[in-house]
């Protein structure tokens, strides 16, 4: 009953993909608590387009990233770009698993 909805999980993934893009671009952290788990009323198709767009923006940013920057620091985190990117992958997989479980529970 207290689990996040699929919509909330997708909004959260979008927020963190945007945050990762900002951090790789050297913009630092810009994710206040209310944006970490945002609430949105957008139509599902709009939300899925936003998910895809945030993913594409991150992938475009990474395509332009020189490998020599992977060991560079991420402003305000104490971590490297390399660790940030691994974190994004793990984060998306974790919440993707939650979404799969919620879908399964809804169809049971």
Protein backbone atom coordinates (compact mmCIF):
# COMPACT_ATOMS: atom_id res chain seq x y z
CA UNK A 1 0.00 0.00 0.00
CA UNK A 2 2.90 2.37 0.65
CA UNK A 3 4.78 1.46 -2.53
CA UNK A 4 5.40 4.09 -5.15
CA UNK A 5 3.21 3.81 -8.22
CA UNK A 6 4.65 3.01 -11.64
CA UNK A 7 4.01 6.64 -12.62
CA UNK A 8 5.99 7.87 -9.59
CA UNK A 9 8.85 5.48 -10.36
CA UNK A 10 9.01 6.66 -13.98
CA UNK A 11 8.97 10.31 -12.88
CA UNK A 12 11.79 9.52 -10.43
CA UNK A 13 13.86 7.82 -13.14
CA UNK A 14 13.35 10.82 -15.44
CA UNK A 15 14.41 13.21 -12.67
CA UNK A 16 17.63 11.29 -12.07
CA UNK A 17 18.49 10.88 -15.74
CA UNK A 18 18.16 14.67 -16.09
CA UNK A 19 20.25 15.15 -12.96
CA UNK A 20 22.96 12.81 -14.26
CA UNK A 21 23.05 14.75 -17.54
CA UNK A 22 23.48 18.02 -15.63
CA UNK A 23 26.24 16.56 -13.48
CA UNK A 24 28.16 15.10 -16.43
CA UNK A 25 27.95 18.54 -18.06
CA UNK A 26 29.55 20.03 -14.95
CA UNK A 27 26.44 21.86 -13.79
CA UNK A 28 26.43 20.34 -10.32
CA UNK A 29 23.48 19.07 -8.34
CA UNK A 30 20.10 20.65 -8.92
CA UNK A 31 17.70 18.09 -7.50
CA UNK A 32 15.79 19.44 -4.51
CA UNK A 33 13.81 16.84 -2.48
CA UNK A 34 10.48 17.75 -4.10
CA UNK A 35 11.93 16.88 -7.51
CA UNK A 36 13.45 13.58 -6.35
CA UNK A 37 9.99 12.01 -6.15
CA UNK A 38 7.93 14.42 -8.27
CA UNK A 39 4.20 14.16 -8.71
CA UNK A 40 2.88 14.56 -12.20
CA UNK A 41 -0.49 14.46 -13.85
CA UNK A 42 0.77 14.19 -17.41
CA UNK A 43 -0.82 11.64 -19.67
CA UNK A 44 0.99 8.30 -19.68
CA UNK A 45 2.08 8.73 -23.31
CA UNK A 46 3.55 12.17 -22.46
CA UNK A 47 5.40 10.68 -19.50
CA UNK A 48 6.84 7.87 -21.62
CA UNK A 49 8.03 10.43 -24.19
CA UNK A 50 9.70 12.38 -21.38
CA UNK A 51 11.38 9.17 -20.16
CA UNK A 52 12.70 8.49 -23.64
CA UNK A 53 13.79 12.11 -24.14
CA UNK A 54 15.71 12.16 -20.84
CA UNK A 55 17.43 8.92 -21.81
CA UNK A 56 18.31 10.23 -25.28
CA UNK A 57 19.71 13.47 -23.81
CA UNK A 58 21.89 11.49 -21.41
CA UNK A 59 23.11 9.18 -24.20
CA UNK A 60 23.89 12.16 -26.45
CA UNK A 61 25.85 13.76 -23.61
CA UNK A 62 27.79 10.54 -23.09
CA UNK A 63 28.50 10.16 -26.81
CA UNK A 64 30.30 13.51 -26.66
CA UNK A 65 32.14 12.66 -23.44
CA UNK A 66 35.84 12.03 -23.83
CA UNK A 67 36.93 8.87 -22.00
CA UNK A 68 39.62 10.85 -20.20
CA UNK A 69 36.84 12.63 -18.26
CA UNK A 70 35.47 9.43 -16.69
CA UNK A 71 37.81 9.76 -13.72
CA UNK A 72 36.92 13.43 -13.33
CA UNK A 73 35.09 14.63 -10.25
CA UNK A 74 31.37 15.34 -10.24
CA UNK A 75 30.81 18.75 -8.68
CA UNK A 76 29.54 18.54 -5.12
CA UNK A 77 29.48 14.76 -4.83
CA UNK A 78 33.02 13.57 -4.17
CA UNK A 79 32.47 10.90 -6.82
CA UNK A 80 33.62 10.49 -10.40
CA UNK A 81 31.66 10.56 -13.64
CA UNK A 82 32.44 6.85 -13.98
CA UNK A 83 30.76 6.10 -10.64
CA UNK A 84 27.85 8.39 -11.45
CA UNK A 85 27.16 6.51 -14.69
CA UNK A 86 27.33 3.13 -12.97
CA UNK A 87 24.93 4.51 -10.39
CA UNK A 88 22.45 5.59 -13.08
CA UNK A 89 22.49 2.11 -14.60
CA UNK A 90 21.99 0.44 -11.20
CA UNK A 91 19.29 2.97 -10.27
CA UNK A 92 17.31 2.37 -13.46
CA UNK A 93 17.62 -1.41 -13.14
CA UNK A 94 16.45 -1.32 -9.52
CA UNK A 95 13.39 0.77 -10.27
CA UNK A 96 12.75 -1.20 -13.47
CA UNK A 97 12.52 -4.29 -11.27
CA UNK A 98 10.07 -2.52 -8.98
CA UNK A 99 7.94 -1.60 -12.00
CA UNK A 100 7.97 -5.23 -13.18
CA UNK A 101 6.82 -6.42 -9.73
CA UNK A 102 4.06 -3.80 -9.61
CA UNK A 103 2.85 -4.80 -13.08
CA UNK A 104 2.82 -8.45 -12.04
CA UNK A 105 0.93 -7.71 -8.83
CA UNK A 106 -1.63 -5.63 -10.74
CA UNK A 107 -2.34 -8.46 -13.17
CA UNK A 108 -2.66 -11.12 -10.46
